[in-house]
């Protein structure tokens, strides 16, 4: 089994989630996800004004900062060691882990992603 990183963007009001699987957590990947998520939400009539993230290196990078600036989004970060600050995303990831990612045995990472 391999590893998958799920990059998730959740609308704070509606709790509608946008998620993508990736093989890494780099700033370039996170910035690409943000671009696609903003477009995905825009297609549904939602304007992204702010984004809150954890303190991972991808979200402290110049790439992230520049991407947010280009999209006219105000970036904020959670307080260190306070996952409840980002509770909606933490709960979404727990639900995905319990209901899908570890709910049954998968023979490969691609099988799990397909599921």
PDB file of N, CA and C in Angstrom:
ATOM      1  N   UNK A   1       0.847  -1.186   0.000  1.00  0.00           N
ATOM      2  CA  UNK A   1       0.000   0.000   0.000  1.00  0.00           C
ATOM      3  C   UNK A   1       0.877   1.229   0.000  1.00  0.00           C
ATOM      4  N   UNK A   2       0.427   2.206  -0.715  1.00  0.00           N
ATOM      5  CA  UNK A   2       1.134   3.478  -0.749  1.00  0.00           C
ATOM      6  C   UNK A   2       0.454   4.496   0.133  1.00  0.00           C
ATOM      7  N   UNK A   3       0.878   5.709  -0.038  1.00  0.00           N
ATOM      8  CA  UNK A   3       0.286   6.807   0.710  1.00  0.00           C
ATOM      9  C   UNK A   3      -0.438   7.729  -0.246  1.00  0.00           C
ATOM     10  N   UNK A   4      -1.495   8.309   0.229  1.00  0.00           N
ATOM     11  CA  UNK A   4      -2.215   9.319  -0.533  1.00  0.00           C
ATOM     12  C   UNK A   4      -2.443  10.505   0.380  1.00  0.00           C
ATOM     13  N   UNK A   5      -2.302  11.664  -0.169  1.00  0.00           N
ATOM     14  CA  UNK A   5      -2.578  12.887   0.569  1.00  0.00           C
ATOM     15  C   UNK A   5      -3.849  13.480  -0.012  1.00  0.00           C
ATOM     16  N   UNK A   6      -4.827  13.695   0.835  1.00  0.00           N
ATOM     17  CA  UNK A   6      -6.092  14.254   0.376  1.00  0.00           C
ATOM     18  C   UNK A   6      -6.092  15.739   0.717  1.00  0.00           C
ATOM     19  N   UNK A   7      -6.095  16.546  -0.310  1.00  0.00           N
ATOM     20  CA  UNK A   7      -6.162  17.998  -0.155  1.00  0.00           C
ATOM     21  C   UNK A   7      -7.636  18.376  -0.222  1.00  0.00           C
ATOM     22  N   UNK A   8      -8.120  19.056   0.813  1.00  0.00           N
ATOM     23  CA  UNK A   8      -9.541  19.333   0.942  1.00  0.00           C
ATOM     24  C   UNK A   8      -9.793  20.811   1.189  1.00  0.00           C
ATOM     25  N   UNK A   9     -10.819  21.330   0.520  1.00  0.00           N
ATOM     26  CA  UNK A   9     -11.281  22.702   0.736  1.00  0.00           C
ATOM     27  C   UNK A   9     -12.761  22.603   1.069  1.00  0.00           C
ATOM     28  N   UNK A  10     -13.156  23.162   2.219  1.00  0.00           N
ATOM     29  CA  UNK A  10     -14.552  23.102   2.652  1.00  0.00           C
ATOM     30  C   UNK A  10     -15.103  24.516   2.781  1.00  0.00           C
ATOM     31  N   UNK A  11     -16.301  24.715   2.238  1.00  0.00           N
ATOM     32  CA  UNK A  11     -16.993  25.989   2.415  1.00  0.00           C
ATOM     33  C   UNK A  11     -17.499  26.058   3.849  1.00  0.00           C
ATOM     34  N   UNK A  12     -17.117  27.103   4.563  1.00  0.00           N
ATOM     35  CA  UNK A  12     -17.456  27.236   5.979  1.00  0.00           C
ATOM     36  C   UNK A  12     -18.963  27.329   6.206  1.00  0.00           C
ATOM     37  N   UNK A  13     -19.673  27.949   5.291  1.00  0.00           N
ATOM     38  CA  UNK A  13     -21.120  28.143   5.475  1.00  0.00           C
ATOM     39  C   UNK A  13     -21.910  26.872   5.165  1.00  0.00           C
ATOM     40  N   UNK A  14     -21.720  26.340   3.973  1.00  0.00           N
ATOM     41  CA  UNK A  14     -22.534  25.198   3.535  1.00  0.00           C
ATOM     42  C   UNK A  14     -21.930  23.843   3.911  1.00  0.00           C
ATOM     43  N   UNK A  15     -20.651  23.827   4.208  1.00  0.00           N
ATOM     44  CA  UNK A  15     -19.883  22.613   4.503  1.00  0.00           C
ATOM     45  C   UNK A  15     -19.747  21.703   3.281  1.00  0.00           C
ATOM     46  N   UNK A  16     -19.932  22.263   2.109  1.00  0.00           N
ATOM     47  CA  UNK A  16     -19.690  21.519   0.876  1.00  0.00           C
ATOM     48  C   UNK A  16     -18.173  21.377   0.726  1.00  0.00           C
ATOM     49  N   UNK A  17     -17.733  20.175   0.376  1.00  0.00           N
ATOM     50  CA  UNK A  17     -16.295  19.897   0.314  1.00  0.00           C
ATOM     51  C   UNK A  17     -15.830  19.617  -1.102  1.00  0.00           C
ATOM     52  N   UNK A  18     -14.626  20.087  -1.391  1.00  0.00           N
ATOM     53  CA  UNK A  18     -13.913  19.776  -2.619  1.00  0.00           C
ATOM     54  C   UNK A  18     -12.628  19.065  -2.192  1.00  0.00           C
ATOM     55  N   UNK A  19     -12.339  17.912  -2.776  1.00  0.00           N
ATOM     56  CA  UNK A  19     -11.149  17.168  -2.375  1.00  0.00           C
ATOM     57  C   UNK A  19     -10.470  16.545  -3.585  1.00  0.00           C
ATOM     58  N   UNK A  20      -9.152  16.430  -3.498  1.00  0.00           N
ATOM     59  CA  UNK A  20      -8.338  15.780  -4.534  1.00  0.00           C
ATOM     60  C   UNK A  20      -7.309  14.877  -3.858  1.00  0.00           C
ATOM     61  N   UNK A  21      -7.006  13.745  -4.503  1.00  0.00           N
ATOM     62  CA  UNK A  21      -5.927  12.854  -4.065  1.00  0.00           C
ATOM     63  C   UNK A  21      -4.636  13.275  -4.743  1.00  0.00           C
ATOM     64  N   UNK A  22      -3.550  13.258  -3.984  1.00  0.00           N
ATOM     65  CA  UNK A  22      -2.232  13.530  -4.552  1.00  0.00           C
ATOM     66  C   UNK A  22      -1.195  12.673  -3.854  1.00  0.00           C
ATOM     67  N   UNK A  23      -0.030  12.564  -4.470  1.00  0.00           N
ATOM     68  CA  UNK A  23       1.067  11.773  -3.917  1.00  0.00           C
ATOM     69  C   UNK A  23       1.983  12.590  -3.020  1.00  0.00           C
ATOM     70  N   UNK A  24       1.704  13.883  -2.869  1.00  0.00           N
ATOM     71  CA  UNK A  24       2.570  14.728  -2.054  1.00  0.00           C
ATOM     72  C   UNK A  24       1.790  15.864  -1.418  1.00  0.00           C
ATOM     73  N   UNK A  25       2.493  16.604  -0.574  1.00  0.00           N
ATOM     74  CA  UNK A  25       1.907  17.759   0.106  1.00  0.00           C
ATOM     75  C   UNK A  25       2.732  19.020  -0.176  1.00  0.00           C
ATOM     76  N   UNK A  26       3.261  19.133  -1.370  1.00  0.00           N
ATOM     77  CA  UNK A  26       4.113  20.271  -1.700  1.00  0.00           C
ATOM     78  C   UNK A  26       3.296  21.541  -1.899  1.00  0.00           C
ATOM     79  N   UNK A  27       3.989  22.667  -1.849  1.00  0.00           N
ATOM     80  CA  UNK A  27       3.336  23.955  -2.053  1.00  0.00           C
ATOM     81  C   UNK A  27       2.725  24.045  -3.451  1.00  0.00           C
ATOM     82  N   UNK A  28       3.423  23.532  -4.445  1.00  0.00           N
ATOM     83  CA  UNK A  28       2.907  23.576  -5.817  1.00  0.00           C
ATOM     84  C   UNK A  28       1.609  22.782  -5.935  1.00  0.00           C
ATOM     85  N   UNK A  29       1.557  21.620  -5.307  1.00  0.00           N
ATOM     86  CA  UNK A  29       0.340  20.810  -5.332  1.00  0.00           C
ATOM     87  C   UNK A  29      -0.793  21.528  -4.611  1.00  0.00           C
ATOM     88  N   UNK A  30      -0.524  22.057  -3.428  1.00  0.00           N
ATOM     89  CA  UNK A  30      -1.554  22.765  -2.659  1.00  0.00           C
ATOM     90  C   UNK A  30      -2.077  23.979  -3.427  1.00  0.00           C
ATOM     91  N   UNK A  31      -1.177  24.706  -4.085  1.00  0.00           N
ATOM     92  CA  UNK A  31      -1.585  25.876  -4.868  1.00  0.00           C
ATOM     93  C   UNK A  31      -2.467  25.454  -6.042  1.00  0.00           C
ATOM     94  N   UNK A  32      -2.111  24.360  -6.709  1.00  0.00           N
ATOM     95  CA  UNK A  32      -2.931  23.853  -7.807  1.00  0.00           C
ATOM     96  C   UNK A  32      -4.313  23.449  -7.340  1.00  0.00           C
ATOM     97  N   UNK A  33      -4.375  22.781  -6.192  1.00  0.00           N
ATOM     98  CA  UNK A  33      -5.668  22.391  -5.621  1.00  0.00           C
ATOM     99  C   UNK A  33      -6.503  23.632  -5.328  1.00  0.00           C
ATOM    100  N   UNK A  34      -5.876  24.652  -4.754  1.00  0.00           N
ATOM    101  CA  UNK A  34      -6.617  25.876  -4.443  1.00  0.00           C
ATOM    102  C   UNK A  34      -7.180  26.519  -5.712  1.00  0.00           C
ATOM    103  N   UNK A  35      -6.391  26.582  -6.762  1.00  0.00           N
ATOM    104  CA  UNK A  35      -6.877  27.140  -8.037  1.00  0.00           C
ATOM    105  C   UNK A  35      -8.109  26.375  -8.522  1.00  0.00           C
ATOM    106  N   UNK A  36      -8.011  25.047  -8.523  1.00  0.00           N
ATOM    107  CA  UNK A  36      -9.127  24.236  -9.021  1.00  0.00           C
ATOM    108  C   UNK A  36     -10.336  24.316  -8.092  1.00  0.00           C
ATOM    109  N   UNK A  37     -10.098  24.366  -6.791  1.00  0.00           N
ATOM    110  CA  UNK A  37     -11.206  24.469  -5.833  1.00  0.00           C
ATOM    111  C   UNK A  37     -11.943  25.794  -5.987  1.00  0.00           C
ATOM    112  N   UNK A  38     -11.194  26.879  -6.155  1.00  0.00           N
ATOM    113  CA  UNK A  38     -11.827  28.192  -6.336  1.00  0.00           C
ATOM    114  C   UNK A  38     -12.716  28.171  -7.578  1.00  0.00           C
ATOM    115  N   UNK A  39     -12.241  27.566  -8.658  1.00  0.00           N
ATOM    116  CA  UNK A  39     -13.049  27.473  -9.878  1.00  0.00           C
ATOM    117  C   UNK A  39     -14.262  26.578  -9.653  1.00  0.00           C
ATOM    118  N   UNK A  40     -14.057  25.458  -8.969  1.00  0.00           N
ATOM    119  CA  UNK A  40     -15.155  24.524  -8.682  1.00  0.00           C
ATOM    120  C   UNK A  40     -16.241  25.206  -7.861  1.00  0.00           C
ATOM    121  N   UNK A  41     -15.846  25.946  -6.833  1.00  0.00           N
ATOM    122  CA  UNK A  41     -16.828  26.671  -6.021  1.00  0.00           C
ATOM    123  C   UNK A  41     -17.490  27.782  -6.836  1.00  0.00           C
ATOM    124  N   UNK A  42     -16.723  28.482  -7.662  1.00  0.00           N
ATOM    125  CA  UNK A  42     -17.293  29.552  -8.489  1.00  0.00           C
ATOM    126  C   UNK A  42     -18.361  29.001  -9.431  1.00  0.00           C
ATOM    127  N   UNK A  43     -18.124  27.816  -9.971  1.00  0.00           N
ATOM    128  CA  UNK A  43     -19.113  27.181 -10.848  1.00  0.00           C
ATOM    129  C   UNK A  43     -20.426  26.888 -10.114  1.00  0.00           C
ATOM    130  N   UNK A  44     -20.360  26.889  -8.793  1.00  0.00           N
ATOM    131  CA  UNK A  44     -21.544  26.627  -7.963  1.00  0.00           C
ATOM    132  C   UNK A  44     -22.037  27.889  -7.264  1.00  0.00           C
ATOM    133  N   UNK A  45     -21.511  29.028  -7.689  1.00  0.00           N
ATOM    134  CA  UNK A  45     -21.983  30.307  -7.174  1.00  0.00           C
ATOM    135  C   UNK A  45     -21.360  30.757  -5.864  1.00  0.00           C
ATOM    136  N   UNK A  46     -20.264  30.134  -5.459  1.00  0.00           N
ATOM    137  CA  UNK A  46     -19.597  30.476  -4.200  1.00  0.00           C
ATOM    138  C   UNK A  46     -18.317  31.243  -4.496  1.00  0.00           C
ATOM    139  N   UNK A  47     -18.161  32.401  -3.879  1.00  0.00           N
ATOM    140  CA  UNK A  47     -16.948  33.193  -4.020  1.00  0.00           C
ATOM    141  C   UNK A  47     -16.051  32.947  -2.813  1.00  0.00           C
ATOM    142  N   UNK A  48     -14.824  32.552  -3.060  1.00  0.00           N
ATOM    143  CA  UNK A  48     -13.873  32.297  -1.983  1.00  0.00           C
ATOM    144  C   UNK A  48     -13.177  33.608  -1.639  1.00  0.00           C
ATOM    145  N   UNK A  49     -13.303  34.027  -0.383  1.00  0.00           N
ATOM    146  CA  UNK A  49     -12.685  35.274   0.071  1.00  0.00           C
ATOM    147  C   UNK A  49     -11.519  35.025   1.018  1.00  0.00           C
ATOM    148  N   UNK A  50     -11.628  33.955   1.819  1.00  0.00           N
ATOM    149  CA  UNK A  50     -10.612  33.640   2.814  1.00  0.00           C
ATOM    150  C   UNK A  50     -10.355  32.144   2.802  1.00  0.00           C
ATOM    151  N   UNK A  51      -9.158  31.771   3.210  1.00  0.00           N
ATOM    152  CA  UNK A  51      -8.830  30.361   3.359  1.00  0.00           C
ATOM    153  C   UNK A  51      -8.026  30.208   4.645  1.00  0.00           C
ATOM    154  N   UNK A  52      -8.406  29.211   5.431  1.00  0.00           N
ATOM    155  CA  UNK A  52      -7.657  28.918   6.654  1.00  0.00           C
ATOM    156  C   UNK A  52      -7.014  27.551   6.469  1.00  0.00           C
ATOM    157  N   UNK A  53      -5.762  27.460   6.840  1.00  0.00           N
ATOM    158  CA  UNK A  53      -5.019  26.215   6.666  1.00  0.00           C
ATOM    159  C   UNK A  53      -4.232  25.926   7.934  1.00  0.00           C
ATOM    160  N   UNK A  54      -3.659  24.735   7.970  1.00  0.00           N
ATOM    161  CA  UNK A  54      -2.778  24.421   9.087  1.00  0.00           C
ATOM    162  C   UNK A  54      -1.421  25.085   8.834  1.00  0.00           C
ATOM    163  N   UNK A  55      -0.444  24.742   9.624  1.00  0.00           N
ATOM    164  CA  UNK A  55       0.862  25.395   9.545  1.00  0.00           C
ATOM    165  C   UNK A  55       1.897  24.559   8.794  1.00  0.00           C
ATOM    166  N   UNK A  56       1.424  23.684   7.923  1.00  0.00           N
ATOM    167  CA  UNK A  56       2.344  22.880   7.126  1.00  0.00           C
ATOM    168  C   UNK A  56       3.198  23.753   6.220  1.00  0.00           C
ATOM    169  N   UNK A  57       4.320  23.211   5.812  1.00  0.00           N
ATOM    170  CA  UNK A  57       5.264  23.996   5.006  1.00  0.00           C
ATOM    171  C   UNK A  57       4.648  24.496   3.707  1.00  0.00           C
ATOM    172  N   UNK A  58       3.726  23.746   3.127  1.00  0.00           N
ATOM    173  CA  UNK A  58       3.088  24.183   1.876  1.00  0.00           C
ATOM    174  C   UNK A  58       2.344  25.497   2.065  1.00  0.00           C
ATOM    175  N   UNK A  59       1.762  25.671   3.266  1.00  0.00           N
ATOM    176  CA  UNK A  59       0.931  26.844   3.529  1.00  0.00           C
ATOM    177  C   UNK A  59       1.716  28.014   4.111  1.00  0.00           C
ATOM    178  N   UNK A  60       2.993  27.782   4.379  1.00  0.00           N
ATOM    179  CA  UNK A  60       3.879  28.863   4.827  1.00  0.00           C
ATOM    180  C   UNK A  60       4.794  29.324   3.695  1.00  0.00           C
ATOM    181  N   UNK A  61       4.604  28.765   2.525  1.00  0.00           N
ATOM    182  CA  UNK A  61       5.496  29.021   1.393  1.00  0.00           C
ATOM    183  C   UNK A  61       5.131  30.292   0.634  1.00  0.00           C
ATOM    184  N   UNK A  62       6.105  30.768  -0.131  1.00  0.00           N
ATOM    185  CA  UNK A  62       5.869  31.915  -1.009  1.00  0.00           C
ATOM    186  C   UNK A  62       4.885  31.540  -2.114  1.00  0.00           C
ATOM    187  N   UNK A  63       4.924  30.292  -2.547  1.00  0.00           N
ATOM    188  CA  UNK A  63       4.004  29.830  -3.601  1.00  0.00           C
ATOM    189  C   UNK A  63       2.566  29.973  -3.119  1.00  0.00           C
ATOM    190  N   UNK A  64       2.291  29.537  -1.887  1.00  0.00           N
ATOM    191  CA  UNK A  64       0.936  29.635  -1.324  1.00  0.00           C
ATOM    192  C   UNK A  64       0.528  31.098  -1.189  1.00  0.00           C
ATOM    193  N   UNK A  65       1.414  31.898  -0.615  1.00  0.00           N
ATOM    194  CA  UNK A  65       1.137  33.321  -0.435  1.00  0.00           C
ATOM    195  C   UNK A  65       0.823  33.992  -1.775  1.00  0.00           C
ATOM    196  N   UNK A  66       1.655  33.721  -2.777  1.00  0.00           N
ATOM    197  CA  UNK A  66       1.463  34.334  -4.097  1.00  0.00           C
ATOM    198  C   UNK A  66       0.185  33.845  -4.767  1.00  0.00           C
ATOM    199  N   UNK A  67      -0.148  32.575  -4.575  1.00  0.00           N
ATOM    200  CA  UNK A  67      -1.382  32.025  -5.148  1.00  0.00           C
ATOM    201  C   UNK A  67      -2.601  32.697  -4.527  1.00  0.00           C
ATOM    202  N   UNK A  68      -2.590  32.828  -3.208  1.00  0.00           N
ATOM    203  CA  UNK A  68      -3.708  33.498  -2.528  1.00  0.00           C
ATOM    204  C   UNK A  68      -3.835  34.938  -3.003  1.00  0.00           C
ATOM    205  N   UNK A  69      -2.707  35.613  -3.138  1.00  0.00           N
ATOM    206  CA  UNK A  69      -2.728  37.005  -3.611  1.00  0.00           C
ATOM    207  C   UNK A  69      -3.295  37.093  -5.018  1.00  0.00           C
ATOM    208  N   UNK A  70      -2.876  36.195  -5.901  1.00  0.00           N
ATOM    209  CA  UNK A  70      -3.359  36.191  -7.291  1.00  0.00           C
ATOM    210  C   UNK A  70      -4.863  35.932  -7.367  1.00  0.00           C
ATOM    211  N   UNK A  71      -5.382  35.143  -6.424  1.00  0.00           N
ATOM    212  CA  UNK A  71      -6.810  34.807  -6.399  1.00  0.00           C
ATOM    213  C   UNK A  71      -7.620  35.773  -5.535  1.00  0.00           C
ATOM    214  N   UNK A  72      -6.963  36.777  -4.979  1.00  0.00           N
ATOM    215  CA  UNK A  72      -7.599  37.768  -4.097  1.00  0.00           C
ATOM    216  C   UNK A  72      -8.243  37.092  -2.883  1.00  0.00           C
ATOM    217  N   UNK A  73      -7.511  36.148  -2.306  1.00  0.00           N
ATOM    218  CA  UNK A  73      -7.971  35.411  -1.130  1.00  0.00           C
ATOM    219  C   UNK A  73      -7.061  35.762   0.036  1.00  0.00           C
ATOM    220  N   UNK A  74      -7.676  36.017   1.182  1.00  0.00           N
ATOM    221  CA  UNK A  74      -6.893  36.307   2.378  1.00  0.00           C
ATOM    222  C   UNK A  74      -6.535  34.983   3.066  1.00  0.00           C
ATOM    223  N   UNK A  75      -5.234  34.661   3.157  1.00  0.00           N
ATOM    224  CA  UNK A  75      -4.845  33.419   3.828  1.00  0.00           C
ATOM    225  C   UNK A  75      -4.715  33.614   5.337  1.00  0.00           C
ATOM    226  N   UNK A  76      -5.159  32.622   6.083  1.00  0.00           N
ATOM    227  CA  UNK A  76      -4.989  32.588   7.540  1.00  0.00           C
ATOM    228  C   UNK A  76      -4.512  31.190   7.901  1.00  0.00           C
ATOM    229  N   UNK A  77      -3.845  31.089   9.038  1.00  0.00           N
ATOM    230  CA  UNK A  77      -3.393  29.782   9.508  1.00  0.00           C
ATOM    231  C   UNK A  77      -3.938  29.535  10.913  1.00  0.00           C
ATOM    232  N   UNK A  78      -4.134  28.258  11.218  1.00  0.00           N
ATOM    233  CA  UNK A  78      -4.598  27.882  12.549  1.00  0.00           C
ATOM    234  C   UNK A  78      -3.475  28.089  13.554  1.00  0.00           C
ATOM    235  N   UNK A  79      -3.860  28.174  14.806  1.00  0.00           N
ATOM    236  CA  UNK A  79      -2.849  28.230  15.849  1.00  0.00           C
ATOM    237  C   UNK A  79      -2.172  26.867  15.934  1.00  0.00           C
ATOM    238  N   UNK A  80      -0.879  26.837  16.136  1.00  0.00           N
ATOM    239  CA  UNK A  80      -0.182  25.547  16.236  1.00  0.00           C
ATOM    240  C   UNK A  80      -0.765  24.677  17.351  1.00  0.00           C
ATOM    241  N   UNK A  81      -0.854  23.385  17.068  1.00  0.00           N
ATOM    242  CA  UNK A  81      -1.319  22.382  18.013  1.00  0.00           C
ATOM    243  C   UNK A  81      -2.758  22.611  18.482  1.00  0.00           C
ATOM    244  N   UNK A  82      -3.563  23.254  17.650  1.00  0.00           N
ATOM    245  CA  UNK A  82      -4.975  23.489  17.951  1.00  0.00           C
ATOM    246  C   UNK A  82      -5.822  23.000  16.774  1.00  0.00           C
ATOM    247  N   UNK A  83      -5.906  21.683  16.554  1.00  0.00           N
ATOM    248  CA  UNK A  83      -6.660  21.179  15.399  1.00  0.00           C
ATOM    249  C   UNK A  83      -8.132  21.549  15.431  1.00  0.00           C
ATOM    250  N   UNK A  84      -8.677  21.829  16.623  1.00  0.00           N
ATOM    251  CA  UNK A  84     -10.087  22.191  16.701  1.00  0.00           C
ATOM    252  C   UNK A  84     -10.368  23.517  16.002  1.00  0.00           C
ATOM    253  N   UNK A  85      -9.332  24.343  15.809  1.00  0.00           N
ATOM    254  CA  UNK A  85      -9.501  25.587  15.070  1.00  0.00           C
ATOM    255  C   UNK A  85      -9.941  25.293  13.638  1.00  0.00           C
ATOM    256  N   UNK A  86      -9.534  24.164  13.140  1.00  0.00           N
ATOM    257  CA  UNK A  86      -9.878  23.745  11.778  1.00  0.00           C
ATOM    258  C   UNK A  86     -10.793  22.517  11.858  1.00  0.00           C
ATOM    259  N   UNK A  87     -11.754  22.557  12.765  1.00  0.00           N
ATOM    260  CA  UNK A  87     -12.568  21.401  13.103  1.00  0.00           C
ATOM    261  C   UNK A  87     -13.362  20.798  11.970  1.00  0.00           C
ATOM    262  N   UNK A  88     -13.892  21.619  11.072  1.00  0.00           N
ATOM    263  CA  UNK A  88     -14.704  21.073   9.981  1.00  0.00           C
ATOM    264  C   UNK A  88     -13.878  20.147   9.097  1.00  0.00           C
ATOM    265  N   UNK A  89     -12.676  20.572   8.777  1.00  0.00           N
ATOM    266  CA  UNK A  89     -11.828  19.751   7.909  1.00  0.00           C
ATOM    267  C   UNK A  89     -11.334  18.521   8.655  1.00  0.00           C
ATOM    268  N   UNK A  90     -11.016  18.676   9.942  1.00  0.00           N
ATOM    269  CA  UNK A  90     -10.575  17.529  10.742  1.00  0.00           C
ATOM    270  C   UNK A  90     -11.676  16.481  10.814  1.00  0.00           C
ATOM    271  N   UNK A  91     -12.909  16.905  11.014  1.00  0.00           N
ATOM    272  CA  UNK A  91     -14.034  15.970  11.087  1.00  0.00           C
ATOM    273  C   UNK A  91     -14.289  15.318   9.735  1.00  0.00           C
ATOM    274  N   UNK A  92     -14.191  16.097   8.662  1.00  0.00           N
ATOM    275  CA  UNK A  92     -14.375  15.552   7.316  1.00  0.00           C
ATOM    276  C   UNK A  92     -13.341  14.455   7.058  1.00  0.00           C
ATOM    277  N   UNK A  93     -12.088  14.708   7.412  1.00  0.00           N
ATOM    278  CA  UNK A  93     -11.040  13.710   7.195  1.00  0.00           C
ATOM    279  C   UNK A  93     -11.271  12.461   8.060  1.00  0.00           C
ATOM    280  N   UNK A  94     -11.755  12.646   9.279  1.00  0.00           N
ATOM    281  CA  UNK A  94     -12.056  11.491  10.127  1.00  0.00           C
ATOM    282  C   UNK A  94     -13.194  10.661   9.532  1.00  0.00           C
ATOM    283  N   UNK A  95     -14.226  11.337   9.040  1.00  0.00           N
ATOM    284  CA  UNK A  95     -15.342  10.634   8.409  1.00  0.00           C
ATOM    285  C   UNK A  95     -14.859   9.854   7.195  1.00  0.00           C
ATOM    286  N   UNK A  96     -14.002  10.453   6.396  1.00  0.00           N
ATOM    287  CA  UNK A  96     -13.461   9.750   5.221  1.00  0.00           C
ATOM    288  C   UNK A  96     -12.610   8.556   5.644  1.00  0.00           C
ATOM    289  N   UNK A  97     -11.811   8.720   6.679  1.00  0.00           N
ATOM    290  CA  UNK A  97     -10.972   7.614   7.152  1.00  0.00           C
ATOM    291  C   UNK A  97     -11.821   6.454   7.653  1.00  0.00           C
ATOM    292  N   UNK A  98     -12.809   6.759   8.479  1.00  0.00           N
ATOM    293  CA  UNK A  98     -13.653   5.712   9.064  1.00  0.00           C
ATOM    294  C   UNK A  98     -14.603   5.076   8.051  1.00  0.00           C
ATOM    295  N   UNK A  99     -15.142   5.871   7.153  1.00  0.00           N
ATOM    296  CA  UNK A  99     -16.160   5.373   6.238  1.00  0.00           C
ATOM    297  C   UNK A  99     -15.648   4.888   4.905  1.00  0.00           C
ATOM    298  N   UNK A 100     -14.370   5.175   4.601  1.00  0.00           N
ATOM    299  CA  UNK A 100     -13.847   4.783   3.299  1.00  0.00           C
ATOM    300  C   UNK A 100     -12.405   4.294   3.363  1.00  0.00           C
ATOM    301  N   UNK A 101     -11.488   5.124   3.776  1.00  0.00           N
ATOM    302  CA  UNK A 101     -10.060   4.814   3.644  1.00  0.00           C
ATOM    303  C   UNK A 101      -9.646   3.565   4.409  1.00  0.00           C
ATOM    304  N   UNK A 102     -10.173   3.393   5.623  1.00  0.00           N
ATOM    305  CA  UNK A 102      -9.806   2.245   6.446  1.00  0.00           C
ATOM    306  C   UNK A 102     -11.004   1.370   6.778  1.00  0.00           C
ATOM    307  N   UNK A 103     -12.089   1.546   6.041  1.00  0.00           N
ATOM    308  CA  UNK A 103     -13.306   0.787   6.316  1.00  0.00           C
ATOM    309  C   UNK A 103     -13.178  -0.683   5.920  1.00  0.00           C
ATOM    310  N   UNK A 104     -12.330  -0.950   4.968  1.00  0.00           N
ATOM    311  CA  UNK A 104     -12.111  -2.330   4.540  1.00  0.00           C
ATOM    312  C   UNK A 104     -10.690  -2.484   4.036  1.00  0.00           C
ATOM    313  N   UNK A 105     -10.293  -3.694   3.752  1.00  0.00           N
ATOM    314  CA  UNK A 105      -8.946  -3.963   3.257  1.00  0.00           C
ATOM    315  C   UNK A 105      -8.907  -3.718   1.751  1.00  0.00           C
ATOM    316  N   UNK A 106      -7.953  -2.934   1.308  1.00  0.00           N
ATOM    317  CA  UNK A 106      -7.723  -2.699  -0.120  1.00  0.00           C
ATOM    318  C   UNK A 106      -6.403  -3.357  -0.493  1.00  0.00           C
ATOM    319  N   UNK A 107      -6.347  -3.936  -1.668  1.00  0.00           N
ATOM    320  CA  UNK A 107      -5.120  -4.622  -2.089  1.00  0.00           C
ATOM    321  C   UNK A 107      -4.092  -3.664  -2.672  1.00  0.00           C
ATOM    322  N   UNK A 108      -4.507  -2.454  -3.021  1.00  0.00           N
ATOM    323  CA  UNK A 108      -3.567  -1.477  -3.565  1.00  0.00           C
ATOM    324  C   UNK A 108      -4.100  -0.062  -3.320  1.00  0.00           C
ATOM    325  N   UNK A 109      -3.195   0.890  -3.454  1.00  0.00           N
ATOM    326  CA  UNK A 109      -3.597   2.286  -3.319  1.00  0.00           C
ATOM    327  C   UNK A 109      -4.561   2.692  -4.435  1.00  0.00           C
ATOM    328  N   UNK A 110      -4.342   2.171  -5.635  1.00  0.00           N
ATOM    329  CA  UNK A 110      -5.239   2.528  -6.748  1.00  0.00           C
ATOM    330  C   UNK A 110      -6.646   1.958  -6.507  1.00  0.00           C
ATOM    331  N   UNK A 111      -6.736   0.772  -5.899  1.00  0.00           N
ATOM    332  CA  UNK A 111      -8.059   0.217  -5.570  1.00  0.00           C
ATOM    333  C   UNK A 111      -8.775   1.108  -4.554  1.00  0.00           C
ATOM    334  N   UNK A 112      -8.014   1.570  -3.558  1.00  0.00           N
ATOM    335  CA  UNK A 112      -8.621   2.453  -2.546  1.00  0.00           C
ATOM    336  C   UNK A 112      -9.079   3.756  -3.185  1.00  0.00           C
ATOM    337  N   UNK A 113      -8.259   4.345  -4.053  1.00  0.00           N
ATOM    338  CA  UNK A 113      -8.646   5.585  -4.725  1.00  0.00           C
ATOM    339  C   UNK A 113      -9.860   5.387  -5.605  1.00  0.00           C
ATOM    340  N   UNK A 114      -9.937   4.266  -6.279  1.00  0.00           N
ATOM    341  CA  UNK A 114     -11.111   3.971  -7.113  1.00  0.00           C
ATOM    342  C   UNK A 114     -12.382   3.839  -6.284  1.00  0.00           C
ATOM    343  N   UNK A 115     -12.234   3.274  -5.090  1.00  0.00           N
ATOM    344  CA  UNK A 115     -13.396   3.115  -4.210  1.00  0.00           C
ATOM    345  C   UNK A 115     -13.898   4.458  -3.770  1.00  0.00           C
TER     346      UNK A 115
END
